[in-house]
Amino acid sequence: MTWDNARADAIIEAHKALDGAALPILHALQKEFGYIDDAAIEPVAKALNLSRAEIHGVVTFYHDFRATKPGRHVLRVCRAEACQSRGADALVEHATARAKGHDAALTLEPVFCLGLCATAPAAMLDGELHGRLTQRRLDALIDGCVR
């Protein structure tokens, strides 16, 4: 969905009375639009009586928040130690090269542990977990996204 300031304002208003409202508001905005637009920082800060820097800090601190609209598919490759020891770095390089030029179709994101250490290296594509990845299995996942 394209960013809509009026819709964003309604989401902020609906959540601002919650305890610790910053995270619920930001999660709701990202769920609605797929990302947190820069235009949201000031209204969220104002609604919660916080500084713009505090809200910006929350958005940039948590890896789950995005500042740009993602592609149709999101591939999160685990970068934790178990996956690194099983070749995740090479898989990330390979995936980056394969996905190049397909930004509208596929967004690559790092994630720090998917809990699949025993089946490393692992990734999550659109919320579905995949373990024991090889370049061939990763290629099949990427090909399914960019067609």
N, C-alpha and C. Protein backbone atom coordinates (compact mmCIF):
# COMPACT_ATOMS: atom_id res chain seq x y z
N MET A 1 0.84 -1.17 0.00
CA MET A 1 0.00 0.00 0.00
C MET A 1 0.89 1.24 0.00
N THR A 2 0.49 2.25 -0.74
CA THR A 2 1.20 3.51 -0.79
C THR A 2 0.99 4.28 0.51
N TRP A 3 2.02 5.00 0.95
CA TRP A 3 1.93 5.74 2.20
C TRP A 3 0.81 6.78 2.10
N ASP A 4 -0.01 6.84 3.13
CA ASP A 4 -1.14 7.77 3.20
C ASP A 4 -1.10 8.45 4.57
N ASN A 5 -0.80 9.75 4.59
CA ASN A 5 -0.66 10.47 5.86
C ASN A 5 -1.94 10.44 6.68
N ALA A 6 -3.08 10.54 6.03
CA ALA A 6 -4.35 10.52 6.78
C ALA A 6 -4.56 9.15 7.45
N ARG A 7 -4.27 8.08 6.73
CA ARG A 7 -4.40 6.73 7.29
C ARG A 7 -3.39 6.54 8.42
N ALA A 8 -2.17 7.04 8.22
CA ALA A 8 -1.16 6.94 9.26
C ALA A 8 -1.60 7.69 10.52
N ASP A 9 -2.17 8.89 10.35
CA ASP A 9 -2.65 9.66 11.49
C ASP A 9 -3.74 8.91 12.25
N ALA A 10 -4.61 8.22 11.53
CA ALA A 10 -5.66 7.44 12.17
C ALA A 10 -5.08 6.28 12.98
N ILE A 11 -4.05 5.63 12.45
CA ILE A 11 -3.39 4.53 13.15
C ILE A 11 -2.72 5.06 14.42
N ILE A 12 -2.04 6.18 14.30
CA ILE A 12 -1.38 6.79 15.46
C ILE A 12 -2.41 7.11 16.54
N GLU A 13 -3.49 7.72 16.14
CA GLU A 13 -4.55 8.11 17.08
C GLU A 13 -5.14 6.89 17.77
N ALA A 14 -5.33 5.80 17.03
CA ALA A 14 -5.94 4.59 17.59
C ALA A 14 -5.04 3.89 18.61
N HIS A 15 -3.74 4.12 18.55
CA HIS A 15 -2.80 3.41 19.41
C HIS A 15 -2.11 4.27 20.46
N LYS A 16 -2.26 5.57 20.40
CA LYS A 16 -1.43 6.44 21.23
C LYS A 16 -1.71 6.34 22.73
N ALA A 17 -2.86 5.82 23.13
CA ALA A 17 -3.19 5.70 24.55
C ALA A 17 -2.66 4.41 25.18
N LEU A 18 -2.10 3.53 24.38
CA LEU A 18 -1.56 2.27 24.90
C LEU A 18 -0.32 2.53 25.73
N ASP A 19 -0.08 1.69 26.73
CA ASP A 19 1.18 1.76 27.48
C ASP A 19 2.32 1.45 26.52
N GLY A 20 3.37 2.25 26.58
CA GLY A 20 4.51 2.03 25.69
C GLY A 20 4.10 2.08 24.24
N ALA A 21 3.34 3.09 23.86
CA ALA A 21 2.67 3.14 22.56
C ALA A 21 3.59 3.24 21.35
N ALA A 22 4.84 3.64 21.53
CA ALA A 22 5.71 3.83 20.36
C ALA A 22 5.82 2.55 19.53
N LEU A 23 6.14 1.43 20.16
CA LEU A 23 6.28 0.18 19.40
C LEU A 23 4.97 -0.28 18.78
N PRO A 24 3.85 -0.29 19.52
CA PRO A 24 2.60 -0.69 18.87
C PRO A 24 2.22 0.19 17.67
N ILE A 25 2.46 1.50 17.80
CA ILE A 25 2.17 2.40 16.68
C ILE A 25 3.05 2.07 15.48
N LEU A 26 4.35 1.93 15.72
CA LEU A 26 5.26 1.66 14.62
C LEU A 26 4.98 0.30 13.97
N HIS A 27 4.68 -0.70 14.78
CA HIS A 27 4.32 -2.01 14.21
C HIS A 27 3.04 -1.91 13.38
N ALA A 28 2.06 -1.17 13.87
CA ALA A 28 0.80 -1.02 13.12
C ALA A 28 1.02 -0.28 11.81
N LEU A 29 1.87 0.75 11.83
CA LEU A 29 2.18 1.47 10.60
C LEU A 29 2.88 0.56 9.60
N GLN A 30 3.85 -0.20 10.09
CA GLN A 30 4.56 -1.08 9.17
C GLN A 30 3.65 -2.19 8.64
N LYS A 31 2.76 -2.68 9.48
CA LYS A 31 1.82 -3.71 9.01
C LYS A 31 0.93 -3.16 7.91
N GLU A 32 0.50 -1.93 8.08
CA GLU A 32 -0.39 -1.30 7.09
C GLU A 32 0.32 -0.97 5.78
N PHE A 33 1.52 -0.39 5.87
CA PHE A 33 2.19 0.13 4.69
C PHE A 33 3.41 -0.67 4.23
N GLY A 34 3.91 -1.56 5.10
CA GLY A 34 5.08 -2.34 4.75
C GLY A 34 6.39 -1.69 5.17
N TYR A 35 6.33 -0.45 5.65
CA TYR A 35 7.51 0.28 6.07
C TYR A 35 7.08 1.50 6.89
N ILE A 36 8.07 2.17 7.49
CA ILE A 36 7.81 3.38 8.26
C ILE A 36 8.37 4.55 7.46
N ASP A 37 7.50 5.33 6.86
CA ASP A 37 7.92 6.48 6.08
C ASP A 37 8.48 7.57 7.01
N ASP A 38 9.43 8.35 6.51
CA ASP A 38 9.98 9.46 7.29
C ASP A 38 8.88 10.43 7.73
N ALA A 39 7.81 10.50 6.95
CA ALA A 39 6.71 11.40 7.29
C ALA A 39 6.00 11.00 8.58
N ALA A 40 6.20 9.79 9.05
CA ALA A 40 5.55 9.31 10.28
C ALA A 40 6.27 9.74 11.54
N ILE A 41 7.55 10.05 11.44
CA ILE A 41 8.36 10.31 12.63
C ILE A 41 7.79 11.47 13.45
N GLU A 42 7.54 12.59 12.82
CA GLU A 42 7.05 13.76 13.56
C GLU A 42 5.66 13.55 14.15
N PRO A 43 4.68 13.03 13.42
CA PRO A 43 3.36 12.82 14.04
C PRO A 43 3.38 11.83 15.20
N VAL A 44 4.20 10.77 15.10
CA VAL A 44 4.30 9.82 16.20
C VAL A 44 4.93 10.50 17.42
N ALA A 45 5.99 11.24 17.19
CA ALA A 45 6.66 11.95 18.29
C ALA A 45 5.70 12.93 18.96
N LYS A 46 4.98 13.66 18.16
CA LYS A 46 4.05 14.66 18.70
C LYS A 46 2.93 13.98 19.50
N ALA A 47 2.39 12.90 18.98
CA ALA A 47 1.29 12.20 19.66
C ALA A 47 1.73 11.64 21.00
N LEU A 48 3.01 11.27 21.12
CA LEU A 48 3.51 10.63 22.34
C LEU A 48 4.32 11.59 23.21
N ASN A 49 4.38 12.86 22.79
CA ASN A 49 5.14 13.87 23.53
C ASN A 49 6.60 13.44 23.70
N LEU A 50 7.17 12.95 22.60
CA LEU A 50 8.57 12.54 22.55
C LEU A 50 9.27 13.36 21.47
N SER A 51 10.58 13.30 21.45
CA SER A 51 11.31 14.02 20.40
C SER A 51 11.34 13.19 19.12
N ARG A 52 11.56 13.88 18.01
CA ARG A 52 11.70 13.18 16.74
C ARG A 52 12.90 12.23 16.80
N ALA A 53 13.95 12.65 17.50
CA ALA A 53 15.14 11.81 17.63
C ALA A 53 14.83 10.50 18.35
N GLU A 54 13.97 10.56 19.37
CA GLU A 54 13.63 9.33 20.10
C GLU A 54 12.88 8.35 19.19
N ILE A 55 11.94 8.83 18.41
CA ILE A 55 11.18 7.94 17.51
C ILE A 55 12.10 7.44 16.40
N HIS A 56 12.90 8.31 15.83
CA HIS A 56 13.85 7.89 14.81
C HIS A 56 14.79 6.82 15.37
N GLY A 57 15.22 6.99 16.62
CA GLY A 57 16.09 6.02 17.26
C GLY A 57 15.44 4.66 17.40
N VAL A 58 14.16 4.63 17.72
CA VAL A 58 13.44 3.35 17.83
C VAL A 58 13.36 2.68 16.46
N VAL A 59 13.01 3.46 15.43
CA VAL A 59 12.86 2.90 14.08
C VAL A 59 14.19 2.34 13.58
N THR A 60 15.27 3.04 13.85
CA THR A 60 16.56 2.58 13.32
C THR A 60 17.22 1.53 14.20
N PHE A 61 16.84 1.43 15.47
CA PHE A 61 17.43 0.44 16.36
C PHE A 61 16.93 -0.97 16.05
N TYR A 62 15.63 -1.12 15.84
CA TYR A 62 15.05 -2.45 15.64
C TYR A 62 15.15 -2.87 14.17
N HIS A 63 15.72 -4.05 13.94
CA HIS A 63 15.91 -4.54 12.58
C HIS A 63 14.60 -4.84 11.86
N ASP A 64 13.52 -5.05 12.60
CA ASP A 64 12.26 -5.37 11.94
C ASP A 64 11.62 -4.18 11.25
N PHE A 65 12.00 -2.98 11.62
CA PHE A 65 11.41 -1.80 10.98
C PHE A 65 12.20 -1.44 9.73
N ARG A 66 11.46 -1.08 8.68
CA ARG A 66 12.06 -0.68 7.42
C ARG A 66 11.74 0.79 7.16
N ALA A 67 12.67 1.49 6.52
CA ALA A 67 12.45 2.89 6.16
C ALA A 67 12.05 3.02 4.70
N THR A 68 12.10 1.95 3.96
CA THR A 68 11.68 1.98 2.56
C THR A 68 10.72 0.83 2.28
N LYS A 69 9.93 1.02 1.27
CA LYS A 69 8.95 0.00 0.90
C LYS A 69 9.67 -1.26 0.42
N PRO A 70 9.30 -2.42 0.95
CA PRO A 70 9.96 -3.66 0.53
C PRO A 70 9.43 -4.15 -0.81
N GLY A 71 10.14 -5.12 -1.37
CA GLY A 71 9.64 -5.77 -2.57
C GLY A 71 8.43 -6.64 -2.24
N ARG A 72 7.87 -7.28 -3.24
CA ARG A 72 6.69 -8.14 -3.02
C ARG A 72 7.01 -9.30 -2.08
N HIS A 73 8.27 -9.74 -2.08
CA HIS A 73 8.71 -10.84 -1.23
C HIS A 73 9.89 -10.36 -0.38
N VAL A 74 9.97 -10.86 0.85
CA VAL A 74 11.07 -10.52 1.75
C VAL A 74 11.79 -11.81 2.13
N LEU A 75 13.08 -11.84 1.82
CA LEU A 75 13.93 -12.98 2.15
C LEU A 75 14.89 -12.54 3.25
N ARG A 76 14.74 -13.14 4.41
CA ARG A 76 15.61 -12.84 5.54
C ARG A 76 16.57 -14.00 5.71
N VAL A 77 17.86 -13.71 5.58
CA VAL A 77 18.89 -14.74 5.71
C VAL A 77 19.53 -14.59 7.08
N CYS A 78 19.59 -15.68 7.80
CA CYS A 78 20.16 -15.67 9.16
C CYS A 78 21.64 -15.36 9.10
N ARG A 79 22.06 -14.44 9.97
CA ARG A 79 23.47 -14.04 10.04
C ARG A 79 24.09 -14.39 11.38
N ALA A 80 23.41 -15.21 12.18
CA ALA A 80 23.94 -15.60 13.49
C ALA A 80 25.09 -16.60 13.32
N GLU A 81 25.76 -16.87 14.42
CA GLU A 81 27.00 -17.64 14.39
C GLU A 81 26.84 -19.04 13.78
N ALA A 82 25.79 -19.75 14.16
CA ALA A 82 25.63 -21.11 13.62
C ALA A 82 25.49 -21.08 12.11
N CYS A 83 24.71 -20.15 11.61
CA CYS A 83 24.53 -20.06 10.15
C CYS A 83 25.80 -19.56 9.47
N GLN A 84 26.50 -18.63 10.11
CA GLN A 84 27.76 -18.16 9.53
C GLN A 84 28.76 -19.32 9.42
N SER A 85 28.79 -20.14 10.44
CA SER A 85 29.75 -21.26 10.42
C SER A 85 29.41 -22.29 9.35
N ARG A 86 28.19 -22.26 8.87
CA ARG A 86 27.75 -23.22 7.84
C ARG A 86 27.63 -22.57 6.46
N GLY A 87 28.22 -21.36 6.29
CA GLY A 87 28.28 -20.77 4.95
C GLY A 87 27.27 -19.70 4.62
N ALA A 88 26.64 -19.10 5.62
CA ALA A 88 25.63 -18.08 5.35
C ALA A 88 26.21 -16.86 4.64
N ASP A 89 27.45 -16.50 4.95
CA ASP A 89 28.04 -15.32 4.30
C ASP A 89 28.10 -15.50 2.79
N ALA A 90 28.52 -16.67 2.35
CA ALA A 90 28.58 -16.95 0.91
C ALA A 90 27.18 -16.97 0.31
N LEU A 91 26.21 -17.48 1.05
CA LEU A 91 24.83 -17.48 0.56
C LEU A 91 24.29 -16.07 0.41
N VAL A 92 24.62 -15.19 1.35
CA VAL A 92 24.17 -13.80 1.27
C VAL A 92 24.76 -13.13 0.04
N GLU A 93 26.05 -13.34 -0.20
CA GLU A 93 26.68 -12.77 -1.39
C GLU A 93 26.01 -13.30 -2.66
N HIS A 94 25.75 -14.58 -2.68
CA HIS A 94 25.10 -15.20 -3.84
C HIS A 94 23.69 -14.64 -4.02
N ALA A 95 22.93 -14.56 -2.94
CA ALA A 95 21.56 -14.05 -3.02
C ALA A 95 21.54 -12.60 -3.47
N THR A 96 22.48 -11.81 -2.98
CA THR A 96 22.56 -10.39 -3.37
C THR A 96 22.80 -10.27 -4.87
N ALA A 97 23.71 -11.07 -5.38
CA ALA A 97 23.99 -11.04 -6.82
C ALA A 97 22.78 -11.50 -7.63
N ARG A 98 22.12 -12.56 -7.18
CA ARG A 98 20.95 -13.09 -7.91
C ARG A 98 19.76 -12.15 -7.88
N ALA A 99 19.59 -11.44 -6.77
CA ALA A 99 18.43 -10.56 -6.61
C ALA A 99 18.63 -9.18 -7.23
N LYS A 100 19.86 -8.87 -7.59
CA LYS A 100 20.18 -7.55 -8.14
C LYS A 100 19.28 -7.24 -9.34
N GLY A 101 18.69 -6.06 -9.31
CA GLY A 101 17.81 -5.64 -10.39
C GLY A 101 16.36 -6.07 -10.20
N HIS A 102 16.08 -6.80 -9.13
CA HIS A 102 14.72 -7.27 -8.87
C HIS A 102 14.15 -6.65 -7.59
N ASP A 103 14.51 -5.38 -7.31
CA ASP A 103 14.13 -4.73 -6.05
C ASP A 103 12.63 -4.71 -5.82
N ALA A 104 11.85 -4.58 -6.87
CA ALA A 104 10.39 -4.54 -6.70
C ALA A 104 9.84 -5.90 -6.33
N ALA A 105 10.57 -6.95 -6.68
CA ALA A 105 10.10 -8.31 -6.41
C ALA A 105 10.65 -8.88 -5.11
N LEU A 106 11.89 -8.54 -4.76
CA LEU A 106 12.53 -9.21 -3.64
C LEU A 106 13.38 -8.24 -2.82
N THR A 107 13.15 -8.28 -1.52
CA THR A 107 13.97 -7.52 -0.58
C THR A 107 14.75 -8.52 0.26
N LEU A 108 16.06 -8.33 0.31
CA LEU A 108 16.93 -9.17 1.15
C LEU A 108 17.19 -8.43 2.45
N GLU A 109 17.03 -9.13 3.57
CA GLU A 109 17.28 -8.54 4.88
C GLU A 109 18.05 -9.52 5.75
N PRO A 110 18.97 -9.00 6.55
CA PRO A 110 19.63 -9.88 7.51
C PRO A 110 18.71 -10.11 8.70
N VAL A 111 18.84 -11.24 9.33
CA VAL A 111 18.13 -11.51 10.57
C VAL A 111 19.11 -12.23 11.48
N PHE A 112 19.04 -11.94 12.75
CA PHE A 112 20.02 -12.48 13.68
C PHE A 112 19.38 -13.56 14.53
N CYS A 113 19.28 -14.72 13.96
CA CYS A 113 18.80 -15.97 14.52
C CYS A 113 17.32 -16.21 14.24
N LEU A 114 17.10 -17.29 13.55
CA LEU A 114 15.75 -17.77 13.27
C LEU A 114 15.40 -18.97 14.14
N GLY A 115 16.33 -19.40 14.97
CA GLY A 115 16.09 -20.55 15.83
C GLY A 115 16.21 -21.88 15.11
N LEU A 116 16.87 -21.87 13.96
CA LEU A 116 17.06 -23.10 13.18
C LEU A 116 18.52 -23.50 13.16
N CYS A 117 19.20 -23.30 14.25
CA CYS A 117 20.64 -23.54 14.31
C CYS A 117 21.02 -24.95 13.89
N ALA A 118 20.20 -25.92 14.22
CA ALA A 118 20.51 -27.31 13.88
C ALA A 118 20.38 -27.58 12.38
N THR A 119 19.71 -26.68 11.67
CA THR A 119 19.54 -26.86 10.22
C THR A 119 20.17 -25.70 9.45
N ALA A 120 21.22 -25.13 10.01
CA ALA A 120 21.90 -24.00 9.40
C ALA A 120 22.56 -24.42 8.09
N PRO A 121 22.67 -23.47 7.16
CA PRO A 121 22.20 -22.10 7.18
C PRO A 121 20.71 -22.03 6.89
N ALA A 122 20.10 -20.98 7.42
CA ALA A 122 18.65 -20.87 7.34
C ALA A 122 18.21 -19.49 6.83
N ALA A 123 16.98 -19.45 6.36
CA ALA A 123 16.39 -18.20 5.90
C ALA A 123 14.88 -18.27 6.11
N MET A 124 14.26 -17.11 5.98
CA MET A 124 12.81 -17.03 6.06
C MET A 124 12.33 -16.24 4.84
N LEU A 125 11.47 -16.84 4.06
CA LEU A 125 10.90 -16.18 2.89
C LEU A 125 9.43 -15.95 3.15
N ASP A 126 9.05 -14.70 3.23
CA ASP A 126 7.65 -14.32 3.46
C ASP A 126 7.05 -15.06 4.66
N GLY A 127 7.84 -15.18 5.72
CA GLY A 127 7.37 -15.80 6.95
C GLY A 127 7.52 -17.31 7.00
N GLU A 128 7.96 -17.94 5.92
CA GLU A 128 8.14 -19.40 5.88
C GLU A 128 9.61 -19.73 6.06
N LEU A 129 9.90 -20.59 7.03
CA LEU A 129 11.27 -20.95 7.36
C LEU A 129 11.83 -22.00 6.39
N HIS A 130 13.13 -21.86 6.10
CA HIS A 130 13.84 -22.80 5.22
C HIS A 130 15.20 -23.06 5.83
N GLY A 131 15.50 -24.33 6.08
CA GLY A 131 16.79 -24.71 6.65
C GLY A 131 17.60 -25.52 5.67
N ARG A 132 18.85 -25.80 6.07
CA ARG A 132 19.79 -26.57 5.25
C ARG A 132 19.90 -25.99 3.84
N LEU A 133 20.04 -24.67 3.77
CA LEU A 133 20.09 -24.02 2.47
C LEU A 133 21.41 -24.29 1.76
N THR A 134 21.30 -24.48 0.48
CA THR A 134 22.44 -24.56 -0.42
C THR A 134 22.21 -23.48 -1.48
N GLN A 135 23.20 -23.24 -2.31
CA GLN A 135 22.99 -22.25 -3.37
C GLN A 135 21.84 -22.68 -4.29
N ARG A 136 21.74 -23.96 -4.56
CA ARG A 136 20.67 -24.44 -5.44
C ARG A 136 19.30 -24.22 -4.80
N ARG A 137 19.15 -24.53 -3.51
CA ARG A 137 17.86 -24.32 -2.84
C ARG A 137 17.54 -22.83 -2.74
N LEU A 138 18.56 -22.02 -2.48
CA LEU A 138 18.36 -20.58 -2.42
C LEU A 138 17.96 -20.04 -3.79
N ASP A 139 18.59 -20.52 -4.84
CA ASP A 139 18.23 -20.10 -6.20
C ASP A 139 16.76 -20.40 -6.49
N ALA A 140 16.30 -21.56 -6.07
CA ALA A 140 14.90 -21.94 -6.31
C ALA A 140 13.96 -20.98 -5.58
N LEU A 141 14.31 -20.59 -4.36
CA LEU A 141 13.48 -19.63 -3.62
C LEU A 141 13.46 -18.28 -4.33
N ILE A 142 14.63 -17.82 -4.74
CA ILE A 142 14.72 -16.51 -5.40
C ILE A 142 14.00 -16.55 -6.74
N ASP A 143 14.20 -17.61 -7.50
CA ASP A 143 13.53 -17.72 -8.80
C ASP A 143 12.01 -17.65 -8.66
N GLY A 144 11.48 -18.25 -7.60
CA GLY A 144 10.04 -18.20 -7.38
C GLY A 144 9.54 -16.80 -7.09
N CYS A 145 10.41 -15.93 -6.63
CA CYS A 145 10.03 -14.55 -6.29
C CYS A 145 10.13 -13.60 -7.48
N VAL A 146 11.11 -13.80 -8.33
CA VAL A 146 11.39 -12.82 -9.38
C VAL A 146 10.73 -13.14 -10.71
N ARG A 147 9.99 -14.21 -10.76
CA ARG A 147 9.26 -14.54 -12.01
C ARG A 147 8.07 -13.68 -12.15
